[in-house]
Amino acid sequence: MLSEIFELVKGIEDEGLREKVRAFFIDPPSDIDAEALPLEVCPAGAFQHHSYKGGLLQHTLGVTQLSLTMCDMVENLYGGYVDRDTVLAGAILHDVMKCYCYEVSEEGRFRTSDFGGKVDHLTLMVSELMKRKFPLEILHVVASHHGDVGPTKPKTVEALIVSVADLADSDMNGKFLRAAEYLLKRTGAYRPSLSSSENALKVI
């Protein structure tokens, strides 16, 4: 999935911004005093959604694809204008710092790390984007992607698009997992653990 992320990065037209986003994956932060899970391993959540190996990258792809679809809607259906570079960069980067917020428990399940429980991924990401001199519009997309329950609400079309896409993808995936877990428990399984959304959908 990481190769798919890099393919999406190529869609950023502004060369300077494209290289900044690409560099974030090639040269991740090195001055954070915390263990980081590899991006290919990290979940997007410990329980709520994409709570399995590779969940973070899958969620990133889902949010980015949904965001691009909504760009088409805003422009072709609603007659608006969207800065697609800002949407692409924000969607691709919005959750990357979650790799510093989760760890694997003794039972092999994912859980929030002590560091992640005290410093959230939003704060980490905005701080890192500022250090790397990303444009304010992209900082805002990241800072507001939790929508009405985040530290700041979306104040641009681009931020709103990413926020709605983030909620839609996380909500859909979480409901897949909960439905499959419920069905497995009905068969007598104790604390069922699903390794992917594909497995959840097979159960359903």
C-alpha atoms as a PDB file:
ATOM      1  CA  MET A   1       0.000   0.000   0.000  1.00  0.00           C
ATOM      2  CA  LEU A   2       2.931   2.348   0.552  1.00  0.00           C
ATOM      3  CA  SER A   3       3.684   2.214  -3.167  1.00  0.00           C
ATOM      4  CA  GLU A   4       0.078   3.284  -3.816  1.00  0.00           C
ATOM      5  CA  ILE A   5       0.606   6.242  -1.492  1.00  0.00           C
ATOM      6  CA  PHE A   6       3.644   7.307  -3.531  1.00  0.00           C
ATOM      7  CA  GLU A   7       1.579   7.060  -6.706  1.00  0.00           C
ATOM      8  CA  LEU A   8      -0.971   9.434  -5.174  1.00  0.00           C
ATOM      9  CA  VAL A   9       1.823  11.819  -4.173  1.00  0.00           C
ATOM     10  CA  LYS A  10       2.751  12.058  -7.865  1.00  0.00           C
ATOM     11  CA  GLY A  11      -0.662  13.639  -8.440  1.00  0.00           C
ATOM     12  CA  ILE A  12       0.384  16.800  -6.565  1.00  0.00           C
ATOM     13  CA  GLU A  13       1.085  19.266  -9.347  1.00  0.00           C
ATOM     14  CA  ASP A  14       3.172  21.781  -7.411  1.00  0.00           C
ATOM     15  CA  GLU A  15       6.692  20.344  -7.531  1.00  0.00           C
ATOM     16  CA  GLY A  16       7.853  21.927  -4.268  1.00  0.00           C
ATOM     17  CA  LEU A  17       4.849  20.639  -2.329  1.00  0.00           C
ATOM     18  CA  ARG A  18       5.088  17.234  -3.970  1.00  0.00           C
ATOM     19  CA  GLU A  19       8.689  16.869  -2.831  1.00  0.00           C
ATOM     20  CA  LYS A  20       7.833  18.012   0.701  1.00  0.00           C
ATOM     21  CA  VAL A  21       5.142  15.339   0.990  1.00  0.00           C
ATOM     22  CA  ARG A  22       7.385  12.675  -0.534  1.00  0.00           C
ATOM     23  CA  ALA A  23      10.232  13.644   1.827  1.00  0.00           C
ATOM     24  CA  PHE A  24       7.962  13.097   4.827  1.00  0.00           C
ATOM     25  CA  PHE A  25       7.895   9.374   3.994  1.00  0.00           C
ATOM     26  CA  ILE A  26      11.517   9.125   2.859  1.00  0.00           C
ATOM     27  CA  ASP A  27      12.910  11.144   5.796  1.00  0.00           C
ATOM     28  CA  PRO A  28      10.522  10.747   8.761  1.00  0.00           C
ATOM     29  CA  PRO A  29      10.987  12.759  11.985  1.00  0.00           C
ATOM     30  CA  SER A  30      14.140  11.754  13.843  1.00  0.00           C
ATOM     31  CA  ASP A  31      13.911  13.929  16.948  1.00  0.00           C
ATOM     32  CA  ILE A  32      10.828  12.452  18.635  1.00  0.00           C
ATOM     33  CA  ASP A  33      11.597  10.622  21.867  1.00  0.00           C
ATOM     34  CA  ALA A  34       9.241   7.729  21.236  1.00  0.00           C
ATOM     35  CA  GLU A  35       9.191   4.383  19.461  1.00  0.00           C
ATOM     36  CA  ALA A  36       7.402   4.373  16.121  1.00  0.00           C
ATOM     37  CA  LEU A  37       5.638   1.460  14.482  1.00  0.00           C
ATOM     38  CA  PRO A  38       6.519   0.957  10.809  1.00  0.00           C
ATOM     39  CA  LEU A  39       3.903   2.550   8.547  1.00  0.00           C
ATOM     40  CA  GLU A  40       3.234  -0.846   6.948  1.00  0.00           C
ATOM     41  CA  VAL A  41       2.348  -2.252  10.392  1.00  0.00           C
ATOM     42  CA  CYS A  42       0.648   0.622  12.187  1.00  0.00           C
ATOM     43  CA  PRO A  43      -3.148   0.553  12.666  1.00  0.00           C
ATOM     44  CA  ALA A  44      -5.268   3.667  12.242  1.00  0.00           C
ATOM     45  CA  GLY A  45      -6.889   2.999  15.610  1.00  0.00           C
ATOM     46  CA  ALA A  46      -6.518   0.680  18.578  1.00  0.00           C
ATOM     47  CA  PHE A  47     -10.214  -0.230  18.504  1.00  0.00           C
ATOM     48  CA  GLN A  48     -12.521   2.184  16.700  1.00  0.00           C
ATOM     49  CA  HIS A  49     -11.495   1.632  13.064  1.00  0.00           C
ATOM     50  CA  HIS A  50      -8.769   0.048  10.926  1.00  0.00           C
ATOM     51  CA  SER A  51      -7.478  -1.614  14.112  1.00  0.00           C
ATOM     52  CA  TYR A  52      -5.270  -4.159  12.391  1.00  0.00           C
ATOM     53  CA  LYS A  53      -1.867  -4.431  10.728  1.00  0.00           C
ATOM     54  CA  GLY A  54      -1.631  -1.998   7.812  1.00  0.00           C
ATOM     55  CA  GLY A  55      -4.774  -0.178   8.886  1.00  0.00           C
ATOM     56  CA  LEU A  56      -3.132   3.248   8.825  1.00  0.00           C
ATOM     57  CA  LEU A  57      -2.069   2.986   5.182  1.00  0.00           C
ATOM     58  CA  GLN A  58      -5.420   1.519   4.183  1.00  0.00           C
ATOM     59  CA  HIS A  59      -7.249   4.377   5.937  1.00  0.00           C
ATOM     60  CA  THR A  60      -4.947   6.905   4.275  1.00  0.00           C
ATOM     61  CA  LEU A  61      -5.750   5.448   0.855  1.00  0.00           C
ATOM     62  CA  GLY A  62      -9.460   5.425   1.643  1.00  0.00           C
ATOM     63  CA  VAL A  63      -9.513   9.039   2.816  1.00  0.00           C
ATOM     64  CA  THR A  64      -7.471  10.202  -0.161  1.00  0.00           C
ATOM     65  CA  GLN A  65      -9.658   8.381  -2.703  1.00  0.00           C
ATOM     66  CA  LEU A  66     -12.843   9.691  -1.083  1.00  0.00           C
ATOM     67  CA  SER A  67     -11.399  13.199  -0.988  1.00  0.00           C
ATOM     68  CA  LEU A  68     -10.610  13.138  -4.705  1.00  0.00           C
ATOM     69  CA  THR A  69     -14.135  11.922  -5.460  1.00  0.00           C
ATOM     70  CA  MET A  70     -15.540  14.798  -3.414  1.00  0.00           C
ATOM     71  CA  CYS A  71     -13.309  17.240  -5.294  1.00  0.00           C
ATOM     72  CA  ASP A  72     -15.068  16.078  -8.461  1.00  0.00           C
ATOM     73  CA  MET A  73     -18.459  16.542  -6.802  1.00  0.00           C
ATOM     74  CA  VAL A  74     -17.702  20.045  -5.575  1.00  0.00           C
ATOM     75  CA  GLU A  75     -16.407  21.147  -8.971  1.00  0.00           C
ATOM     76  CA  ASN A  76     -18.673  19.255 -11.383  1.00  0.00           C
ATOM     77  CA  LEU A  77     -21.906  18.991  -9.403  1.00  0.00           C
ATOM     78  CA  TYR A  78     -21.822  22.072  -7.159  1.00  0.00           C
ATOM     79  CA  GLY A  79     -19.828  24.395  -9.412  1.00  0.00           C
ATOM     80  CA  GLY A  80     -17.126  25.248  -6.880  1.00  0.00           C
ATOM     81  CA  TYR A  81     -13.337  25.400  -6.993  1.00  0.00           C
ATOM     82  CA  VAL A  82     -11.032  23.107  -5.053  1.00  0.00           C
ATOM     83  CA  ASP A  83      -7.259  23.317  -4.641  1.00  0.00           C
ATOM     84  CA  ARG A  84      -6.579  19.654  -5.282  1.00  0.00           C
ATOM     85  CA  ASP A  85      -2.915  19.899  -4.264  1.00  0.00           C
ATOM     86  CA  THR A  86      -3.983  21.003  -0.790  1.00  0.00           C
ATOM     87  CA  VAL A  87      -6.556  18.220  -0.561  1.00  0.00           C
ATOM     88  CA  LEU A  88      -4.102  15.564  -1.762  1.00  0.00           C
ATOM     89  CA  ALA A  89      -1.289  16.651   0.555  1.00  0.00           C
ATOM     90  CA  GLY A  90      -3.598  17.000   3.548  1.00  0.00           C
ATOM     91  CA  ALA A  91      -5.335  13.672   2.997  1.00  0.00           C
ATOM     92  CA  ILE A  92      -2.085  11.775   2.508  1.00  0.00           C
ATOM     93  CA  LEU A  93      -0.429  13.283   5.584  1.00  0.00           C
ATOM     94  CA  HIS A  94      -3.337  13.697   7.994  1.00  0.00           C
ATOM     95  CA  ASP A  95      -2.733  10.616  10.186  1.00  0.00           C
ATOM     96  CA  VAL A  96       0.904   9.697   9.498  1.00  0.00           C
ATOM     97  CA  MET A  97       2.069  10.557  13.022  1.00  0.00           C
ATOM     98  CA  LYS A  98      -0.173   7.855  14.464  1.00  0.00           C
ATOM     99  CA  CYS A  99       2.807   5.535  14.071  1.00  0.00           C
ATOM    100  CA  TYR A 100       4.190   7.209  17.231  1.00  0.00           C
ATOM    101  CA  CYS A 101       0.941   6.705  19.148  1.00  0.00           C
ATOM    102  CA  TYR A 102       0.394   2.930  19.074  1.00  0.00           C
ATOM    103  CA  GLU A 103       2.255  -0.166  20.209  1.00  0.00           C
ATOM    104  CA  VAL A 104       1.759  -3.917  20.240  1.00  0.00           C
ATOM    105  CA  SER A 105       0.625  -5.432  23.545  1.00  0.00           C
ATOM    106  CA  GLU A 106       1.898  -8.677  25.060  1.00  0.00           C
ATOM    107  CA  GLU A 107      -1.176 -10.424  23.607  1.00  0.00           C
ATOM    108  CA  GLY A 108      -0.281  -9.200  20.112  1.00  0.00           C
ATOM    109  CA  ARG A 109      -3.070  -6.624  19.945  1.00  0.00           C
ATOM    110  CA  PHE A 110      -2.624  -2.937  19.201  1.00  0.00           C
ATOM    111  CA  ARG A 111      -3.041  -0.389  21.973  1.00  0.00           C
ATOM    112  CA  THR A 112      -2.319   3.289  22.585  1.00  0.00           C
ATOM    113  CA  SER A 113       1.228   3.789  23.839  1.00  0.00           C
ATOM    114  CA  ASP A 114       2.033   5.859  26.917  1.00  0.00           C
ATOM    115  CA  PHE A 115       3.455   8.531  24.614  1.00  0.00           C
ATOM    116  CA  GLY A 116       0.420   8.433  22.337  1.00  0.00           C
ATOM    117  CA  GLY A 117      -1.910   8.765  25.279  1.00  0.00           C
ATOM    118  CA  LYS A 118      -0.270  12.013  26.302  1.00  0.00           C
ATOM    119  CA  VAL A 119       0.559  13.643  22.959  1.00  0.00           C
ATOM    120  CA  ASP A 120      -2.001  13.155  20.194  1.00  0.00           C
ATOM    121  CA  HIS A 121      -1.185  12.610  16.533  1.00  0.00           C
ATOM    122  CA  LEU A 122      -2.737  15.931  15.486  1.00  0.00           C
ATOM    123  CA  THR A 123      -0.425  17.945  17.712  1.00  0.00           C
ATOM    124  CA  LEU A 124       2.575  15.939  16.546  1.00  0.00           C
ATOM    125  CA  MET A 125       1.717  16.368  12.890  1.00  0.00           C
ATOM    126  CA  VAL A 126       1.005  20.092  12.990  1.00  0.00           C
ATOM    127  CA  SER A 127       4.263  20.646  14.868  1.00  0.00           C
ATOM    128  CA  GLU A 128       6.242  18.639  12.314  1.00  0.00           C
ATOM    129  CA  LEU A 129       4.557  20.353   9.357  1.00  0.00           C
ATOM    130  CA  MET A 130       5.459  23.749  10.819  1.00  0.00           C
ATOM    131  CA  LYS A 131       9.089  22.679  11.244  1.00  0.00           C
ATOM    132  CA  ARG A 132       9.151  21.619   7.603  1.00  0.00           C
ATOM    133  CA  LYS A 133       7.548  24.903   6.520  1.00  0.00           C
ATOM    134  CA  PHE A 134       4.418  23.463   4.937  1.00  0.00           C
ATOM    135  CA  PRO A 135       1.819  26.014   3.737  1.00  0.00           C
ATOM    136  CA  LEU A 136      -0.731  27.205   6.291  1.00  0.00           C
ATOM    137  CA  GLU A 137      -3.594  25.777   4.208  1.00  0.00           C
ATOM    138  CA  ILE A 138      -2.213  22.261   4.624  1.00  0.00           C
ATOM    139  CA  LEU A 139      -1.581  22.780   8.335  1.00  0.00           C
ATOM    140  CA  HIS A 140      -5.240  23.727   8.596  1.00  0.00           C
ATOM    141  CA  VAL A 141      -6.422  20.614   6.724  1.00  0.00           C
ATOM    142  CA  VAL A 142      -4.498  18.428   9.175  1.00  0.00           C
ATOM    143  CA  ALA A 143      -5.442  20.429  12.286  1.00  0.00           C
ATOM    144  CA  SER A 144      -9.162  20.346  11.440  1.00  0.00           C
ATOM    145  CA  HIS A 145      -9.605  16.857  10.014  1.00  0.00           C
ATOM    146  CA  HIS A 146     -11.541  15.710  13.110  1.00  0.00           C
ATOM    147  CA  GLY A 147     -14.248  18.182  12.144  1.00  0.00           C
ATOM    148  CA  ASP A 148     -16.638  19.340  14.849  1.00  0.00           C
ATOM    149  CA  VAL A 149     -14.871  17.344  17.572  1.00  0.00           C
ATOM    150  CA  GLY A 150     -11.324  18.512  16.741  1.00  0.00           C
ATOM    151  CA  PRO A 151      -9.276  21.400  18.132  1.00  0.00           C
ATOM    152  CA  THR A 152     -10.391  23.611  15.236  1.00  0.00           C
ATOM    153  CA  LYS A 153     -13.221  23.209  12.727  1.00  0.00           C
ATOM    154  CA  PRO A 154     -12.678  23.176   8.941  1.00  0.00           C
ATOM    155  CA  LYS A 155     -12.683  26.717   7.575  1.00  0.00           C
ATOM    156  CA  THR A 156     -11.865  26.004   3.926  1.00  0.00           C
ATOM    157  CA  VAL A 157     -13.464  23.803   1.285  1.00  0.00           C
ATOM    158  CA  GLU A 158     -10.309  21.680   1.167  1.00  0.00           C
ATOM    159  CA  ALA A 159     -10.297  21.115   4.934  1.00  0.00           C
ATOM    160  CA  LEU A 160     -14.004  20.252   4.915  1.00  0.00           C
ATOM    161  CA  ILE A 161     -13.522  17.692   2.155  1.00  0.00           C
ATOM    162  CA  VAL A 162     -10.745  15.858   4.023  1.00  0.00           C
ATOM    163  CA  SER A 163     -12.683  16.018   7.288  1.00  0.00           C
ATOM    164  CA  VAL A 164     -15.825  14.499   5.756  1.00  0.00           C
ATOM    165  CA  ALA A 165     -13.756  11.820   3.971  1.00  0.00           C
ATOM    166  CA  ASP A 166     -11.934  10.962   7.202  1.00  0.00           C
ATOM    167  CA  LEU A 167     -15.194  10.549   9.114  1.00  0.00           C
ATOM    168  CA  ALA A 168     -16.838   8.527   6.341  1.00  0.00           C
ATOM    169  CA  ASP A 169     -13.971   6.065   5.920  1.00  0.00           C
ATOM    170  CA  SER A 170     -13.368   5.574   9.641  1.00  0.00           C
ATOM    171  CA  ASP A 171     -17.077   5.201  10.393  1.00  0.00           C
ATOM    172  CA  MET A 172     -17.666   2.682   7.604  1.00  0.00           C
ATOM    173  CA  ASN A 173     -14.656   0.570   8.534  1.00  0.00           C
ATOM    174  CA  GLY A 174     -15.495   0.647  12.223  1.00  0.00           C
ATOM    175  CA  LYS A 175     -19.020  -0.548  11.507  1.00  0.00           C
ATOM    176  CA  PHE A 176     -17.701  -3.379   9.329  1.00  0.00           C
ATOM    177  CA  LEU A 177     -15.486  -4.540  12.205  1.00  0.00           C
ATOM    178  CA  ARG A 178     -18.167  -4.229  14.901  1.00  0.00           C
ATOM    179  CA  ALA A 179     -20.740  -6.085  12.774  1.00  0.00           C
ATOM    180  CA  ALA A 180     -18.314  -8.947  12.058  1.00  0.00           C
ATOM    181  CA  GLU A 181     -17.260  -9.168  15.712  1.00  0.00           C
ATOM    182  CA  TYR A 182     -20.914  -9.331  16.757  1.00  0.00           C
ATOM    183  CA  LEU A 183     -21.594 -12.154  14.329  1.00  0.00           C
ATOM    184  CA  LEU A 184     -18.523 -14.065  15.484  1.00  0.00           C
ATOM    185  CA  LYS A 185     -19.550 -13.709  19.131  1.00  0.00           C
ATOM    186  CA  ARG A 186     -22.953 -15.147  18.209  1.00  0.00           C
ATOM    187  CA  THR A 187     -21.099 -18.331  17.175  1.00  0.00           C
ATOM    188  CA  GLY A 188     -19.365 -18.507  20.557  1.00  0.00           C
ATOM    189  CA  ALA A 189     -16.044 -16.846  19.692  1.00  0.00           C
ATOM    190  CA  TYR A 190     -14.408 -15.097  22.661  1.00  0.00           C
ATOM    191  CA  ARG A 191     -12.996 -11.612  21.978  1.00  0.00           C
ATOM    192  CA  PRO A 192     -12.777 -12.159  18.209  1.00  0.00           C
ATOM    193  CA  SER A 193      -9.957 -10.306  16.484  1.00  0.00           C
ATOM    194  CA  LEU A 194     -10.119  -9.514  12.775  1.00  0.00           C
ATOM    195  CA  SER A 195      -6.942  -9.027  10.785  1.00  0.00           C
ATOM    196  CA  SER A 196      -8.414  -6.914   7.969  1.00  0.00           C
ATOM    197  CA  SER A 197     -11.523  -5.282   6.603  1.00  0.00           C
ATOM    198  CA  GLU A 198     -11.564  -8.023   3.948  1.00  0.00           C
ATOM    199  CA  ASN A 199     -11.936 -10.650   6.690  1.00  0.00           C
ATOM    200  CA  ALA A 200     -14.690  -8.608   8.333  1.00  0.00           C
ATOM    201  CA  LEU A 201     -16.610  -8.409   5.067  1.00  0.00           C
ATOM    202  CA  LYS A 202     -16.216 -12.147   4.495  1.00  0.00           C
ATOM    203  CA  VAL A 203     -17.770 -12.776   7.917  1.00  0.00           C
ATOM    204  CA  ILE A 204     -20.638 -10.407   7.156  1.00  0.00           C
END
